[in-house]
């Protein structure tokens, strides 16, 4: 496994996970007028969870 391929996969995962997390955060906080700090906390929680799950899947496949 080349290191450059792994780096490309990790960058793609970060982009995908951040898009999903952003959409989830928007959907959750749209109804309630939540503060920016609350949105950041929800975003980081969703991002961390998804990134951890996807990275463990990627690392097990190699």
C-alpha atoms as a PDB file:
ATOM      1  CA  UNK A   1       0.000   0.000   0.000  1.00  0.00           C
ATOM      2  CA  UNK A   2       1.527   3.291  -1.062  1.00  0.00           C
ATOM      3  CA  UNK A   3       1.423   6.177   1.353  1.00  0.00           C
ATOM      4  CA  UNK A   4       0.170   8.626  -1.277  1.00  0.00           C
ATOM      5  CA  UNK A   5      -2.900   6.476  -1.981  1.00  0.00           C
ATOM      6  CA  UNK A   6      -3.682   6.368   1.742  1.00  0.00           C
ATOM      7  CA  UNK A   7      -3.315  10.154   2.005  1.00  0.00           C
ATOM      8  CA  UNK A   8      -5.706  10.673  -0.936  1.00  0.00           C
ATOM      9  CA  UNK A   9      -8.253   8.326   0.663  1.00  0.00           C
ATOM     10  CA  UNK A  10      -7.981  10.151   4.006  1.00  0.00           C
ATOM     11  CA  UNK A  11      -8.468  13.568   2.363  1.00  0.00           C
ATOM     12  CA  UNK A  12     -11.503  12.281   0.445  1.00  0.00           C
ATOM     13  CA  UNK A  13     -12.924  10.863   3.694  1.00  0.00           C
ATOM     14  CA  UNK A  14     -12.451  14.190   5.477  1.00  0.00           C
ATOM     15  CA  UNK A  15     -14.270  16.048   2.680  1.00  0.00           C
ATOM     16  CA  UNK A  16     -17.166  13.561   2.564  1.00  0.00           C
ATOM     17  CA  UNK A  17     -17.537  13.429   6.343  1.00  0.00           C
ATOM     18  CA  UNK A  18     -17.466  17.214   6.690  1.00  0.00           C
ATOM     19  CA  UNK A  19     -20.170  17.583   4.020  1.00  0.00           C
ATOM     20  CA  UNK A  20     -22.377  15.002   5.757  1.00  0.00           C
ATOM     21  CA  UNK A  21     -21.747  16.598   9.159  1.00  0.00           C
ATOM     22  CA  UNK A  22     -22.557  20.065   7.825  1.00  0.00           C
ATOM     23  CA  UNK A  23     -25.819  18.868   6.281  1.00  0.00           C
ATOM     24  CA  UNK A  24     -26.776  17.059   9.488  1.00  0.00           C
ATOM     25  CA  UNK A  25     -25.987  20.101  11.608  1.00  0.00           C
ATOM     26  CA  UNK A  26     -28.046  22.362   9.326  1.00  0.00           C
ATOM     27  CA  UNK A  27     -31.006  19.996   9.453  1.00  0.00           C
ATOM     28  CA  UNK A  28     -30.867  19.683  13.245  1.00  0.00           C
ATOM     29  CA  UNK A  29     -30.357  23.370  14.070  1.00  0.00           C
ATOM     30  CA  UNK A  30     -32.644  24.886  11.426  1.00  0.00           C
ATOM     31  CA  UNK A  31     -35.838  24.726  13.496  1.00  0.00           C
ATOM     32  CA  UNK A  32     -34.292  25.840  16.774  1.00  0.00           C
ATOM     33  CA  UNK A  33     -32.454  29.143  16.782  1.00  0.00           C
ATOM     34  CA  UNK A  34     -29.318  27.571  18.179  1.00  0.00           C
ATOM     35  CA  UNK A  35     -26.164  29.548  18.813  1.00  0.00           C
ATOM     36  CA  UNK A  36     -23.013  29.128  16.749  1.00  0.00           C
ATOM     37  CA  UNK A  37     -21.267  27.366  19.642  1.00  0.00           C
ATOM     38  CA  UNK A  38     -24.028  24.759  19.753  1.00  0.00           C
ATOM     39  CA  UNK A  39     -23.767  24.223  16.012  1.00  0.00           C
ATOM     40  CA  UNK A  40     -19.994  23.812  16.228  1.00  0.00           C
ATOM     41  CA  UNK A  41     -20.357  21.272  19.034  1.00  0.00           C
ATOM     42  CA  UNK A  42     -22.920  19.216  17.106  1.00  0.00           C
ATOM     43  CA  UNK A  43     -20.803  19.427  13.939  1.00  0.00           C
ATOM     44  CA  UNK A  44     -17.639  18.294  15.698  1.00  0.00           C
ATOM     45  CA  UNK A  45     -19.440  15.438  17.443  1.00  0.00           C
ATOM     46  CA  UNK A  46     -20.961  14.123  14.211  1.00  0.00           C
ATOM     47  CA  UNK A  47     -17.698  14.685  12.317  1.00  0.00           C
ATOM     48  CA  UNK A  48     -15.612  12.850  14.913  1.00  0.00           C
ATOM     49  CA  UNK A  49     -17.974   9.898  15.064  1.00  0.00           C
ATOM     50  CA  UNK A  50     -18.247   9.459  11.291  1.00  0.00           C
ATOM     51  CA  UNK A  51     -14.514  10.000  10.737  1.00  0.00           C
ATOM     52  CA  UNK A  52     -13.608   7.434  13.395  1.00  0.00           C
ATOM     53  CA  UNK A  53     -15.968   4.827  11.915  1.00  0.00           C
ATOM     54  CA  UNK A  54     -14.814   5.379   8.323  1.00  0.00           C
ATOM     55  CA  UNK A  55     -11.109   5.411   9.238  1.00  0.00           C
ATOM     56  CA  UNK A  56     -11.422   2.129  11.129  1.00  0.00           C
ATOM     57  CA  UNK A  57     -13.130   0.568   8.085  1.00  0.00           C
ATOM     58  CA  UNK A  58     -10.404   1.880   5.751  1.00  0.00           C
ATOM     59  CA  UNK A  59      -7.552   0.747   7.977  1.00  0.00           C
ATOM     60  CA  UNK A  60      -9.033  -2.741   8.383  1.00  0.00           C
ATOM     61  CA  UNK A  61      -9.338  -3.156   4.615  1.00  0.00           C
ATOM     62  CA  UNK A  62      -5.569  -2.716   4.105  1.00  0.00           C
END
